[in-house]
N, C-alpha and C. Protein backbone atom coordinates (compact mmCIF):
# COMPACT_ATOMS: atom_id res chain seq x y z
N MET A 1 1.23 -1.47 -15.26
CA MET A 1 2.39 -1.27 -14.39
C MET A 1 2.06 -0.30 -13.24
N LYS A 2 1.37 0.80 -13.58
CA LYS A 2 0.99 1.77 -12.57
C LYS A 2 0.06 1.13 -11.55
N GLU A 3 -0.88 0.31 -12.04
CA GLU A 3 -1.83 -0.35 -11.15
C GLU A 3 -1.11 -1.34 -10.23
N PHE A 4 -0.08 -2.00 -10.77
CA PHE A 4 0.69 -2.96 -9.99
C PHE A 4 1.38 -2.28 -8.82
N PHE A 5 2.09 -1.19 -9.09
CA PHE A 5 2.81 -0.49 -8.02
C PHE A 5 1.86 0.20 -7.05
N SER A 6 0.73 0.68 -7.57
CA SER A 6 -0.24 1.31 -6.70
C SER A 6 -0.83 0.31 -5.70
N ARG A 7 -1.00 -0.92 -6.16
CA ARG A 7 -1.62 -1.94 -5.33
C ARG A 7 -0.63 -2.61 -4.38
N TYR A 8 0.61 -2.80 -4.83
CA TYR A 8 1.54 -3.62 -4.05
C TYR A 8 2.78 -2.88 -3.54
N SER A 9 2.95 -1.61 -3.84
CA SER A 9 4.19 -0.92 -3.46
C SER A 9 4.43 -0.94 -1.95
N TYR A 10 3.39 -0.68 -1.16
CA TYR A 10 3.55 -0.68 0.29
C TYR A 10 3.98 -2.06 0.79
N ARG A 11 3.37 -3.10 0.25
CA ARG A 11 3.70 -4.46 0.66
C ARG A 11 5.14 -4.82 0.31
N MET A 12 5.59 -4.37 -0.87
CA MET A 12 6.95 -4.68 -1.30
C MET A 12 7.98 -3.96 -0.44
N VAL A 13 7.69 -2.71 -0.11
CA VAL A 13 8.59 -1.97 0.78
C VAL A 13 8.63 -2.64 2.15
N LYS A 14 7.47 -3.07 2.62
CA LYS A 14 7.39 -3.74 3.91
C LYS A 14 8.20 -5.04 3.90
N MET A 15 8.15 -5.76 2.78
CA MET A 15 8.94 -7.00 2.65
C MET A 15 10.43 -6.71 2.77
N PHE A 16 10.87 -5.64 2.11
CA PHE A 16 12.30 -5.32 2.15
C PHE A 16 12.72 -4.86 3.54
N VAL A 17 11.87 -4.09 4.20
CA VAL A 17 12.18 -3.65 5.56
C VAL A 17 12.28 -4.85 6.50
N THR A 18 11.35 -5.79 6.34
CA THR A 18 11.38 -7.02 7.13
C THR A 18 12.67 -7.78 6.87
N GLN A 19 13.05 -7.87 5.61
CA GLN A 19 14.28 -8.55 5.24
C GLN A 19 15.49 -7.90 5.88
N ALA A 20 15.56 -6.57 5.84
CA ALA A 20 16.70 -5.85 6.40
C ALA A 20 16.79 -6.07 7.91
N ALA A 21 15.64 -6.06 8.58
CA ALA A 21 15.62 -6.24 10.04
C ALA A 21 16.10 -7.64 10.41
N ILE A 22 15.57 -8.65 9.71
CA ILE A 22 15.97 -10.03 10.01
C ILE A 22 17.40 -10.28 9.53
N GLY A 23 17.79 -9.61 8.45
CA GLY A 23 19.16 -9.74 7.94
C GLY A 23 20.17 -9.25 8.96
N LEU A 24 19.89 -8.12 9.58
CA LEU A 24 20.78 -7.59 10.61
C LEU A 24 20.83 -8.53 11.81
N PHE A 25 19.67 -9.06 12.19
CA PHE A 25 19.61 -10.02 13.28
C PHE A 25 20.43 -11.27 12.96
N GLY A 26 20.28 -11.76 11.72
CA GLY A 26 21.02 -12.95 11.32
C GLY A 26 22.52 -12.74 11.30
N ALA A 27 22.95 -11.55 10.86
CA ALA A 27 24.38 -11.25 10.82
C ALA A 27 24.96 -11.18 12.23
N VAL A 28 24.23 -10.52 13.14
CA VAL A 28 24.69 -10.43 14.54
C VAL A 28 24.76 -11.82 15.16
N LEU A 29 23.76 -12.64 14.88
CA LEU A 29 23.72 -14.00 15.41
C LEU A 29 24.90 -14.83 14.88
N ALA A 30 25.19 -14.68 13.59
CA ALA A 30 26.29 -15.44 12.99
C ALA A 30 27.64 -15.02 13.59
N PHE A 31 27.84 -13.73 13.77
CA PHE A 31 29.09 -13.27 14.36
C PHE A 31 29.22 -13.71 15.82
N ALA A 32 28.09 -13.78 16.51
CA ALA A 32 28.11 -14.16 17.92
C ALA A 32 28.56 -15.61 18.11
N VAL A 33 28.25 -16.48 17.14
CA VAL A 33 28.59 -17.91 17.28
C VAL A 33 29.70 -18.32 16.31
N SER A 34 30.35 -17.35 15.70
CA SER A 34 31.36 -17.67 14.68
C SER A 34 32.50 -18.53 15.21
N GLY A 35 32.79 -18.44 16.50
CA GLY A 35 33.88 -19.22 17.06
C GLY A 35 33.47 -20.59 17.57
N ALA A 36 32.17 -20.92 17.42
CA ALA A 36 31.66 -22.19 17.96
C ALA A 36 31.73 -23.33 16.97
N GLY A 37 32.21 -23.09 15.76
CA GLY A 37 32.33 -24.15 14.77
C GLY A 37 31.28 -24.06 13.68
N ASP A 38 31.52 -24.76 12.58
CA ASP A 38 30.64 -24.69 11.42
C ASP A 38 29.25 -25.25 11.69
N THR A 39 29.15 -26.28 12.54
CA THR A 39 27.85 -26.89 12.80
C THR A 39 26.91 -25.90 13.47
N VAL A 40 27.39 -25.23 14.52
CA VAL A 40 26.58 -24.24 15.22
C VAL A 40 26.27 -23.06 14.29
N LEU A 41 27.25 -22.67 13.50
CA LEU A 41 27.07 -21.57 12.55
C LEU A 41 25.99 -21.92 11.53
N ALA A 42 26.03 -23.15 11.04
CA ALA A 42 25.03 -23.59 10.06
C ALA A 42 23.63 -23.66 10.67
N LEU A 43 23.54 -24.14 11.90
CA LEU A 43 22.24 -24.26 12.57
C LEU A 43 21.61 -22.89 12.82
N THR A 44 22.41 -21.96 13.31
CA THR A 44 21.89 -20.61 13.56
C THR A 44 21.53 -19.92 12.25
N GLY A 45 22.34 -20.18 11.21
CA GLY A 45 22.05 -19.61 9.91
C GLY A 45 20.76 -20.17 9.34
N ALA A 46 20.54 -21.47 9.52
CA ALA A 46 19.31 -22.11 9.05
C ALA A 46 18.10 -21.55 9.79
N PHE A 47 18.26 -21.33 11.10
CA PHE A 47 17.17 -20.76 11.89
C PHE A 47 16.80 -19.36 11.39
N ALA A 48 17.81 -18.51 11.20
CA ALA A 48 17.55 -17.14 10.74
C ALA A 48 16.93 -17.14 9.34
N SER A 49 17.40 -18.03 8.48
CA SER A 49 16.89 -18.10 7.11
C SER A 49 15.44 -18.56 7.10
N LEU A 50 15.13 -19.61 7.87
CA LEU A 50 13.76 -20.14 7.91
C LEU A 50 12.80 -19.13 8.54
N PHE A 51 13.28 -18.42 9.56
CA PHE A 51 12.45 -17.39 10.19
C PHE A 51 12.11 -16.30 9.18
N TYR A 52 13.10 -15.89 8.40
CA TYR A 52 12.87 -14.87 7.37
C TYR A 52 11.88 -15.38 6.33
N LEU A 53 12.07 -16.60 5.85
CA LEU A 53 11.18 -17.16 4.82
C LEU A 53 9.76 -17.32 5.34
N PHE A 54 9.62 -17.65 6.63
CA PHE A 54 8.29 -17.76 7.21
C PHE A 54 7.60 -16.40 7.23
N MET A 55 8.34 -15.35 7.59
CA MET A 55 7.76 -14.01 7.60
C MET A 55 7.35 -13.57 6.20
N ILE A 56 8.18 -13.91 5.21
CA ILE A 56 7.85 -13.58 3.82
C ILE A 56 6.64 -14.38 3.36
N TYR A 57 6.59 -15.64 3.77
CA TYR A 57 5.44 -16.50 3.43
C TYR A 57 4.15 -15.90 3.98
N THR A 58 4.19 -15.49 5.25
CA THR A 58 3.01 -14.91 5.89
C THR A 58 2.55 -13.65 5.16
N SER A 59 3.49 -12.78 4.83
CA SER A 59 3.16 -11.53 4.16
C SER A 59 2.56 -11.79 2.77
N ALA A 60 3.18 -12.69 2.00
CA ALA A 60 2.70 -12.98 0.65
C ALA A 60 1.34 -13.67 0.69
N TRP A 61 1.15 -14.55 1.68
CA TRP A 61 -0.15 -15.23 1.80
C TRP A 61 -1.25 -14.21 2.06
N GLU A 62 -0.99 -13.24 2.90
CA GLU A 62 -1.97 -12.21 3.20
C GLU A 62 -2.31 -11.38 1.97
N ILE A 63 -1.30 -11.12 1.13
CA ILE A 63 -1.55 -10.39 -0.12
C ILE A 63 -2.47 -11.20 -1.02
N GLY A 64 -2.17 -12.50 -1.14
CA GLY A 64 -3.01 -13.37 -1.96
C GLY A 64 -4.43 -13.48 -1.43
N ALA A 65 -4.56 -13.55 -0.11
CA ALA A 65 -5.89 -13.64 0.50
C ALA A 65 -6.69 -12.37 0.25
N ALA A 66 -6.01 -11.21 0.32
CA ALA A 66 -6.69 -9.94 0.05
C ALA A 66 -7.11 -9.85 -1.41
N ASP A 67 -6.24 -10.33 -2.31
CA ASP A 67 -6.57 -10.32 -3.74
C ASP A 67 -7.72 -11.28 -4.06
N ARG A 68 -7.82 -12.36 -3.28
CA ARG A 68 -8.88 -13.36 -3.53
C ARG A 68 -10.26 -12.71 -3.42
N ILE A 69 -10.40 -11.79 -2.48
CA ILE A 69 -11.69 -11.11 -2.31
C ILE A 69 -12.02 -10.30 -3.56
N SER A 70 -11.01 -9.60 -4.08
CA SER A 70 -11.22 -8.80 -5.30
C SER A 70 -11.44 -9.69 -6.51
N ILE A 71 -10.76 -10.84 -6.53
CA ILE A 71 -10.92 -11.78 -7.65
C ILE A 71 -12.33 -12.37 -7.64
N ASP A 72 -12.79 -12.79 -6.47
CA ASP A 72 -14.13 -13.38 -6.36
C ASP A 72 -15.23 -12.39 -6.72
N SER A 73 -14.99 -11.11 -6.45
CA SER A 73 -16.00 -10.09 -6.77
C SER A 73 -15.89 -9.60 -8.20
N GLY A 74 -14.87 -10.06 -8.92
CA GLY A 74 -14.71 -9.67 -10.31
C GLY A 74 -13.95 -8.37 -10.52
N LYS A 75 -13.42 -7.80 -9.45
CA LYS A 75 -12.68 -6.54 -9.56
C LYS A 75 -11.23 -6.74 -10.01
N LEU A 76 -10.75 -7.97 -9.89
CA LEU A 76 -9.36 -8.25 -10.22
C LEU A 76 -9.27 -9.58 -10.97
N LYS A 77 -8.42 -9.61 -12.00
CA LYS A 77 -8.22 -10.84 -12.74
C LYS A 77 -7.38 -11.82 -11.92
N ARG A 78 -7.62 -13.10 -12.12
CA ARG A 78 -6.82 -14.11 -11.42
C ARG A 78 -5.44 -14.17 -12.06
N ARG A 79 -4.42 -13.90 -11.26
CA ARG A 79 -3.03 -13.91 -11.73
C ARG A 79 -2.18 -14.70 -10.74
N PRO A 80 -2.19 -16.02 -10.83
CA PRO A 80 -1.50 -16.85 -9.84
C PRO A 80 0.01 -16.65 -9.77
N TRP A 81 0.57 -16.04 -10.80
CA TRP A 81 2.03 -15.84 -10.87
C TRP A 81 2.47 -14.51 -10.27
N ILE A 82 1.53 -13.66 -9.86
CA ILE A 82 1.89 -12.31 -9.46
C ILE A 82 2.76 -12.28 -8.20
N GLY A 83 2.65 -13.31 -7.36
CA GLY A 83 3.47 -13.36 -6.16
C GLY A 83 4.96 -13.42 -6.47
N PHE A 84 5.30 -14.14 -7.54
CA PHE A 84 6.71 -14.21 -7.96
C PHE A 84 7.20 -12.83 -8.39
N ILE A 85 6.33 -12.08 -9.10
CA ILE A 85 6.71 -10.75 -9.57
C ILE A 85 6.87 -9.79 -8.40
N ILE A 86 5.95 -9.87 -7.43
CA ILE A 86 6.03 -9.01 -6.25
C ILE A 86 7.36 -9.20 -5.54
N SER A 87 7.73 -10.47 -5.32
CA SER A 87 8.99 -10.76 -4.62
C SER A 87 10.20 -10.35 -5.46
N LEU A 88 10.12 -10.56 -6.77
CA LEU A 88 11.23 -10.18 -7.65
C LEU A 88 11.48 -8.68 -7.58
N VAL A 89 10.42 -7.89 -7.61
CA VAL A 89 10.56 -6.43 -7.52
C VAL A 89 11.08 -6.03 -6.14
N ALA A 90 10.56 -6.69 -5.08
CA ALA A 90 11.02 -6.39 -3.72
C ALA A 90 12.49 -6.72 -3.54
N ASN A 91 12.99 -7.66 -4.34
CA ASN A 91 14.40 -8.08 -4.24
C ASN A 91 15.32 -7.32 -5.18
N ILE A 92 14.82 -6.29 -5.85
CA ILE A 92 15.66 -5.51 -6.76
C ILE A 92 16.89 -4.94 -6.05
N PRO A 93 16.78 -4.39 -4.83
CA PRO A 93 18.00 -3.92 -4.16
C PRO A 93 19.04 -5.03 -3.99
N ASN A 94 18.59 -6.24 -3.66
CA ASN A 94 19.52 -7.36 -3.52
C ASN A 94 20.19 -7.70 -4.84
N LEU A 95 19.42 -7.67 -5.91
CA LEU A 95 19.95 -8.00 -7.22
C LEU A 95 20.94 -6.93 -7.70
N ILE A 96 20.66 -5.67 -7.36
CA ILE A 96 21.58 -4.59 -7.73
C ILE A 96 22.91 -4.77 -7.00
N VAL A 97 22.84 -5.05 -5.71
CA VAL A 97 24.06 -5.28 -4.92
C VAL A 97 24.83 -6.47 -5.47
N ALA A 98 24.13 -7.55 -5.79
CA ALA A 98 24.78 -8.75 -6.33
C ALA A 98 25.44 -8.47 -7.67
N THR A 99 24.77 -7.67 -8.51
CA THR A 99 25.31 -7.34 -9.83
C THR A 99 26.57 -6.48 -9.70
N VAL A 100 26.52 -5.46 -8.85
CA VAL A 100 27.68 -4.58 -8.65
C VAL A 100 28.85 -5.40 -8.10
N TYR A 101 28.56 -6.26 -7.13
CA TYR A 101 29.62 -7.08 -6.55
C TYR A 101 30.22 -8.02 -7.61
N GLY A 102 29.35 -8.65 -8.40
CA GLY A 102 29.83 -9.58 -9.43
C GLY A 102 30.68 -8.90 -10.48
N VAL A 103 30.25 -7.72 -10.93
CA VAL A 103 31.00 -6.99 -11.95
C VAL A 103 32.35 -6.53 -11.40
N CYS A 104 32.34 -5.99 -10.19
CA CYS A 104 33.59 -5.52 -9.60
C CYS A 104 34.55 -6.67 -9.30
N TRP A 105 34.01 -7.80 -8.90
CA TRP A 105 34.84 -8.98 -8.66
C TRP A 105 35.49 -9.44 -9.97
N ALA A 106 34.70 -9.44 -11.07
CA ALA A 106 35.23 -9.86 -12.37
C ALA A 106 36.32 -8.91 -12.86
N ILE A 107 36.16 -7.62 -12.57
CA ILE A 107 37.14 -6.64 -13.01
C ILE A 107 38.43 -6.74 -12.20
N SER A 108 38.28 -6.90 -10.89
CA SER A 108 39.44 -6.83 -10.01
C SER A 108 40.19 -8.14 -9.86
N HIS A 109 39.45 -9.26 -9.84
CA HIS A 109 40.05 -10.58 -9.57
C HIS A 109 40.86 -10.59 -8.28
N GLY A 110 40.42 -9.78 -7.31
CA GLY A 110 41.08 -9.77 -6.01
C GLY A 110 42.26 -8.82 -5.90
N ALA A 111 42.67 -8.21 -7.01
CA ALA A 111 43.80 -7.27 -6.97
C ALA A 111 43.35 -5.95 -6.35
N GLU A 112 44.30 -5.23 -5.78
CA GLU A 112 43.97 -3.95 -5.15
C GLU A 112 43.52 -2.94 -6.19
N GLY A 113 42.57 -2.11 -5.83
CA GLY A 113 42.07 -1.10 -6.74
C GLY A 113 40.65 -0.67 -6.37
N VAL A 114 40.09 0.23 -7.16
CA VAL A 114 38.76 0.76 -6.90
C VAL A 114 37.71 -0.35 -6.95
N ALA A 115 37.80 -1.22 -7.96
CA ALA A 115 36.81 -2.29 -8.11
C ALA A 115 36.80 -3.21 -6.90
N THR A 116 37.97 -3.51 -6.38
CA THR A 116 38.07 -4.38 -5.20
C THR A 116 37.44 -3.71 -3.98
N ASN A 117 37.67 -2.41 -3.85
CA ASN A 117 37.09 -1.67 -2.72
C ASN A 117 35.57 -1.63 -2.81
N ILE A 118 35.06 -1.45 -4.03
CA ILE A 118 33.60 -1.43 -4.21
C ILE A 118 33.02 -2.80 -3.91
N ALA A 119 33.70 -3.85 -4.37
CA ALA A 119 33.24 -5.21 -4.10
C ALA A 119 33.20 -5.47 -2.59
N ALA A 120 34.21 -4.99 -1.88
CA ALA A 120 34.24 -5.15 -0.43
C ALA A 120 33.08 -4.40 0.23
N MET A 121 32.76 -3.22 -0.28
CA MET A 121 31.64 -2.45 0.25
C MET A 121 30.33 -3.19 0.04
N MET A 122 30.17 -3.82 -1.13
CA MET A 122 28.95 -4.57 -1.42
C MET A 122 28.81 -5.77 -0.49
N ARG A 123 29.95 -6.37 -0.14
CA ARG A 123 29.93 -7.49 0.81
C ARG A 123 29.41 -7.02 2.17
N VAL A 124 29.81 -5.83 2.57
CA VAL A 124 29.35 -5.27 3.84
C VAL A 124 27.85 -4.98 3.78
N VAL A 125 27.40 -4.45 2.64
CA VAL A 125 25.97 -4.15 2.47
C VAL A 125 25.13 -5.43 2.60
N THR A 126 25.63 -6.53 2.04
CA THR A 126 24.88 -7.79 2.12
C THR A 126 24.70 -8.26 3.55
N LEU A 127 25.63 -7.90 4.42
CA LEU A 127 25.50 -8.28 5.84
C LEU A 127 24.30 -7.60 6.47
N PHE A 128 23.97 -6.40 6.01
CA PHE A 128 22.85 -5.65 6.57
C PHE A 128 21.51 -6.04 5.96
N ILE A 129 21.51 -6.45 4.70
CA ILE A 129 20.23 -6.74 4.05
C ILE A 129 19.99 -8.23 3.79
N GLU A 130 21.04 -9.04 3.86
CA GLU A 130 20.88 -10.48 3.63
C GLU A 130 21.65 -11.31 4.67
N GLY A 131 21.82 -10.73 5.85
CA GLY A 131 22.61 -11.39 6.88
C GLY A 131 22.00 -12.67 7.41
N MET A 132 20.70 -12.89 7.15
CA MET A 132 20.08 -14.13 7.62
C MET A 132 20.71 -15.37 6.99
N TYR A 133 21.31 -15.18 5.80
CA TYR A 133 21.95 -16.30 5.11
C TYR A 133 23.44 -16.43 5.45
N TYR A 134 23.97 -15.45 6.17
CA TYR A 134 25.42 -15.40 6.37
C TYR A 134 25.95 -16.63 7.10
N GLY A 135 25.21 -17.11 8.11
CA GLY A 135 25.66 -18.29 8.85
C GLY A 135 25.84 -19.49 7.94
N LEU A 136 24.88 -19.72 7.07
CA LEU A 136 24.97 -20.85 6.14
C LEU A 136 26.09 -20.64 5.12
N MET A 137 26.20 -19.42 4.62
CA MET A 137 27.21 -19.13 3.61
C MET A 137 28.63 -19.21 4.19
N ALA A 138 28.75 -18.96 5.50
CA ALA A 138 30.06 -19.07 6.13
C ALA A 138 30.40 -20.51 6.49
N ALA A 139 29.37 -21.32 6.73
CA ALA A 139 29.60 -22.70 7.13
C ALA A 139 29.80 -23.64 5.94
N ILE A 140 29.26 -23.24 4.77
CA ILE A 140 29.37 -24.07 3.57
C ILE A 140 30.58 -23.62 2.74
N SER A 141 31.41 -24.56 2.36
CA SER A 141 32.62 -24.25 1.57
C SER A 141 32.61 -25.03 0.27
N ILE A 142 33.10 -24.38 -0.76
CA ILE A 142 33.26 -25.02 -2.08
C ILE A 142 34.67 -24.69 -2.57
N GLY A 143 35.50 -25.70 -2.70
CA GLY A 143 36.87 -25.48 -3.15
C GLY A 143 37.74 -24.89 -2.05
N THR A 144 38.86 -24.33 -2.45
CA THR A 144 39.81 -23.76 -1.49
C THR A 144 40.29 -22.39 -1.97
N ARG A 145 40.94 -21.66 -1.04
CA ARG A 145 41.54 -20.37 -1.34
C ARG A 145 42.82 -20.23 -0.51
N VAL A 146 43.61 -19.25 -0.83
CA VAL A 146 44.83 -18.96 -0.09
C VAL A 146 44.59 -17.73 0.75
N ASP A 147 44.76 -17.86 2.08
CA ASP A 147 44.51 -16.72 2.96
C ASP A 147 45.69 -15.75 2.98
N LEU A 148 45.62 -14.72 3.81
CA LEU A 148 46.65 -13.69 3.86
C LEU A 148 47.99 -14.21 4.34
N ASN A 149 47.96 -15.33 5.05
CA ASN A 149 49.20 -15.93 5.55
C ASN A 149 49.79 -16.96 4.58
N GLY A 150 49.16 -17.11 3.43
CA GLY A 150 49.65 -18.06 2.44
C GLY A 150 49.18 -19.49 2.66
N ASN A 151 48.24 -19.70 3.59
CA ASN A 151 47.73 -21.04 3.85
C ASN A 151 46.54 -21.36 2.95
N VAL A 152 46.42 -22.61 2.57
CA VAL A 152 45.28 -23.06 1.77
C VAL A 152 44.14 -23.40 2.73
N VAL A 153 43.02 -22.69 2.59
CA VAL A 153 41.87 -22.88 3.49
C VAL A 153 40.61 -23.06 2.65
N PRO A 154 39.54 -23.59 3.25
CA PRO A 154 38.28 -23.77 2.50
C PRO A 154 37.74 -22.44 1.98
N MET A 155 37.14 -22.47 0.82
CA MET A 155 36.56 -21.27 0.20
C MET A 155 35.08 -21.17 0.60
N GLU A 156 34.78 -20.28 1.55
CA GLU A 156 33.41 -20.14 2.01
C GLU A 156 32.49 -19.65 0.90
N LEU A 157 31.24 -20.03 1.01
CA LEU A 157 30.28 -19.70 -0.04
C LEU A 157 30.13 -18.19 -0.23
N PHE A 158 30.29 -17.41 0.84
CA PHE A 158 30.08 -15.96 0.69
C PHE A 158 31.18 -15.29 -0.14
N ASN A 159 32.23 -16.03 -0.49
CA ASN A 159 33.28 -15.47 -1.33
C ASN A 159 32.97 -15.56 -2.82
N TYR A 160 31.91 -16.25 -3.18
CA TYR A 160 31.53 -16.42 -4.59
C TYR A 160 30.48 -15.39 -4.98
N TRP A 161 30.71 -14.68 -6.07
CA TRP A 161 29.79 -13.63 -6.50
C TRP A 161 28.42 -14.19 -6.85
N TRP A 162 28.37 -15.38 -7.44
CA TRP A 162 27.08 -15.94 -7.88
C TRP A 162 26.20 -16.35 -6.71
N ALA A 163 26.80 -16.53 -5.53
CA ALA A 163 26.02 -16.93 -4.36
C ALA A 163 24.99 -15.87 -3.99
N TYR A 164 25.30 -14.60 -4.29
CA TYR A 164 24.40 -13.51 -3.92
C TYR A 164 23.19 -13.42 -4.85
N PHE A 165 23.26 -14.09 -5.98
CA PHE A 165 22.09 -14.25 -6.83
C PHE A 165 21.27 -15.46 -6.39
N VAL A 166 21.95 -16.51 -6.00
CA VAL A 166 21.27 -17.74 -5.59
C VAL A 166 20.41 -17.53 -4.35
N ILE A 167 20.92 -16.75 -3.37
CA ILE A 167 20.19 -16.59 -2.12
C ILE A 167 18.91 -15.76 -2.27
N VAL A 168 18.72 -15.15 -3.44
CA VAL A 168 17.48 -14.42 -3.69
C VAL A 168 16.36 -15.38 -4.09
N ILE A 169 16.72 -16.52 -4.65
CA ILE A 169 15.74 -17.46 -5.20
C ILE A 169 14.76 -17.99 -4.16
N PRO A 170 15.20 -18.42 -2.95
CA PRO A 170 14.23 -18.96 -1.98
C PRO A 170 13.09 -18.00 -1.67
N ALA A 171 13.39 -16.72 -1.48
CA ALA A 171 12.33 -15.75 -1.16
C ALA A 171 11.34 -15.61 -2.31
N ILE A 172 11.83 -15.61 -3.54
CA ILE A 172 10.96 -15.47 -4.71
C ILE A 172 10.04 -16.68 -4.82
N VAL A 173 10.59 -17.87 -4.63
CA VAL A 173 9.79 -19.09 -4.72
C VAL A 173 8.75 -19.15 -3.60
N VAL A 174 9.18 -18.88 -2.38
CA VAL A 174 8.27 -18.91 -1.23
C VAL A 174 7.15 -17.89 -1.39
N CYS A 175 7.50 -16.69 -1.82
CA CYS A 175 6.52 -15.63 -2.00
C CYS A 175 5.51 -16.01 -3.08
N GLY A 176 6.00 -16.57 -4.18
CA GLY A 176 5.12 -16.96 -5.27
C GLY A 176 4.14 -18.04 -4.86
N VAL A 177 4.63 -19.06 -4.17
CA VAL A 177 3.77 -20.16 -3.72
C VAL A 177 2.79 -19.67 -2.67
N ALA A 178 3.27 -18.83 -1.72
CA ALA A 178 2.40 -18.33 -0.65
C ALA A 178 1.27 -17.47 -1.20
N TYR A 179 1.58 -16.64 -2.18
CA TYR A 179 0.54 -15.80 -2.79
C TYR A 179 -0.53 -16.68 -3.43
N TRP A 180 -0.09 -17.68 -4.19
CA TRP A 180 -1.03 -18.59 -4.86
C TRP A 180 -1.91 -19.31 -3.83
N LEU A 181 -1.31 -19.76 -2.73
CA LEU A 181 -2.08 -20.42 -1.68
C LEU A 181 -3.07 -19.45 -1.04
N GLY A 182 -2.66 -18.19 -0.91
CA GLY A 182 -3.55 -17.18 -0.35
C GLY A 182 -4.78 -16.96 -1.22
N THR A 183 -4.60 -16.98 -2.53
CA THR A 183 -5.76 -16.80 -3.44
C THR A 183 -6.68 -18.00 -3.40
N LYS A 184 -6.17 -19.14 -2.93
CA LYS A 184 -6.97 -20.36 -2.81
C LYS A 184 -7.50 -20.54 -1.38
N ASN A 185 -7.12 -19.64 -0.48
CA ASN A 185 -7.44 -19.75 0.95
C ASN A 185 -6.95 -21.07 1.52
N ALA A 186 -5.81 -21.54 1.01
CA ALA A 186 -5.19 -22.78 1.48
C ALA A 186 -4.00 -22.43 2.36
N LYS A 187 -3.82 -23.17 3.46
CA LYS A 187 -2.76 -22.86 4.41
C LYS A 187 -1.86 -24.07 4.63
N LEU A 188 -0.57 -23.81 4.69
CA LEU A 188 0.38 -24.87 5.00
C LEU A 188 0.55 -25.05 6.50
N THR A 189 0.15 -24.03 7.26
CA THR A 189 0.30 -24.07 8.71
C THR A 189 -0.85 -23.31 9.36
N THR A 190 -1.21 -23.69 10.59
CA THR A 190 -2.26 -23.01 11.33
C THR A 190 -1.71 -21.87 12.18
N LEU A 191 -0.40 -21.64 12.09
CA LEU A 191 0.21 -20.57 12.89
C LEU A 191 -0.30 -19.19 12.49
N MET A 192 -0.84 -19.12 11.25
CA MET A 192 -1.33 -17.84 10.77
C MET A 192 -2.77 -17.57 11.20
N ASP A 193 -3.46 -18.57 11.75
CA ASP A 193 -4.85 -18.39 12.14
C ASP A 193 -4.94 -17.46 13.36
N PRO A 194 -5.81 -16.47 13.29
CA PRO A 194 -5.95 -15.57 14.44
C PRO A 194 -6.58 -16.30 15.62
N VAL A 195 -6.14 -15.99 16.82
CA VAL A 195 -6.69 -16.59 18.03
C VAL A 195 -7.54 -15.54 18.74
N TYR A 196 -8.83 -15.82 18.85
CA TYR A 196 -9.75 -14.88 19.48
C TYR A 196 -10.03 -15.32 20.92
N PRO A 197 -10.24 -14.36 21.82
CA PRO A 197 -10.55 -14.73 23.20
C PRO A 197 -11.87 -15.47 23.29
N GLU A 198 -11.95 -16.43 24.17
CA GLU A 198 -13.15 -17.24 24.31
C GLU A 198 -14.27 -16.40 24.92
N SER A 199 -15.45 -16.45 24.31
CA SER A 199 -16.58 -15.68 24.79
C SER A 199 -17.28 -16.40 25.94
N ASP A 200 -18.14 -15.68 26.64
CA ASP A 200 -18.91 -16.28 27.74
C ASP A 200 -19.81 -17.40 27.22
N ARG A 201 -20.36 -17.20 26.03
CA ARG A 201 -21.24 -18.22 25.44
C ARG A 201 -20.47 -19.49 25.15
N ASP A 202 -19.24 -19.34 24.61
CA ASP A 202 -18.41 -20.51 24.30
C ASP A 202 -18.07 -21.28 25.56
N ARG A 203 -17.75 -20.54 26.63
CA ARG A 203 -17.43 -21.21 27.89
C ARG A 203 -18.64 -21.95 28.46
N LYS A 204 -19.85 -21.35 28.29
CA LYS A 204 -21.06 -21.97 28.78
C LYS A 204 -21.38 -23.24 28.02
N VAL A 205 -21.22 -23.18 26.68
CA VAL A 205 -21.48 -24.37 25.85
C VAL A 205 -20.48 -25.47 26.19
N LYS A 206 -19.21 -25.11 26.36
CA LYS A 206 -18.19 -26.11 26.68
C LYS A 206 -18.49 -26.75 28.04
N LYS A 207 -18.97 -25.95 29.00
CA LYS A 207 -19.26 -26.46 30.34
C LYS A 207 -20.44 -27.42 30.29
N GLU A 208 -21.44 -27.10 29.47
CA GLU A 208 -22.63 -27.97 29.35
C GLU A 208 -22.27 -29.31 28.72
N LYS A 209 -21.31 -29.30 27.78
CA LYS A 209 -20.90 -30.54 27.10
C LYS A 209 -20.17 -31.48 28.04
N THR A 210 -19.48 -30.91 29.03
CA THR A 210 -18.73 -31.75 29.97
C THR A 210 -19.61 -32.37 31.04
N LYS A 211 -20.85 -31.90 31.16
CA LYS A 211 -21.77 -32.45 32.18
C LYS A 211 -22.30 -33.83 31.76
């Protein structure tokens, strides 16, 4: 356990910081287009979510690639599942918020009181750390609810306590797969390949080939 945190703690903190930054961006984006309709809201939410998952994929792949060197040299055992654990630990703050929200929601059932206030606070926290999903959660509805004016309206996904557990799953899956691919030096995209400036020799060889 000590070796695990010593090796990956910086990466996990970096993952959470990246999540918070993109989460805030996603929340601002969702609020900016909230009046444009569910389709636009869903599209912007999908963009923010995919951007976040790509960043997590890149980070996890790099961890796997770094571990591959240690694995090949015999300094580290091959552990293809470790990417899932890294992401799970990095998502502990999200899981804590989801648990507090779920428990308070179960206690309050929407009635006024301390539990309801805490649940509302947790909803605000999710906007800052998981806002990349907010557009999708606002555009997708399951069932109906009664609003403050007594009207029956669609029940947005962000109103369900279990949704805050579900939205953690994509990052864990992506991180686990990306880490495994990194240990295999396999890439799903060439966007991660570094681009180096062309040398004088390369330009000379290319010029000779065109003659």
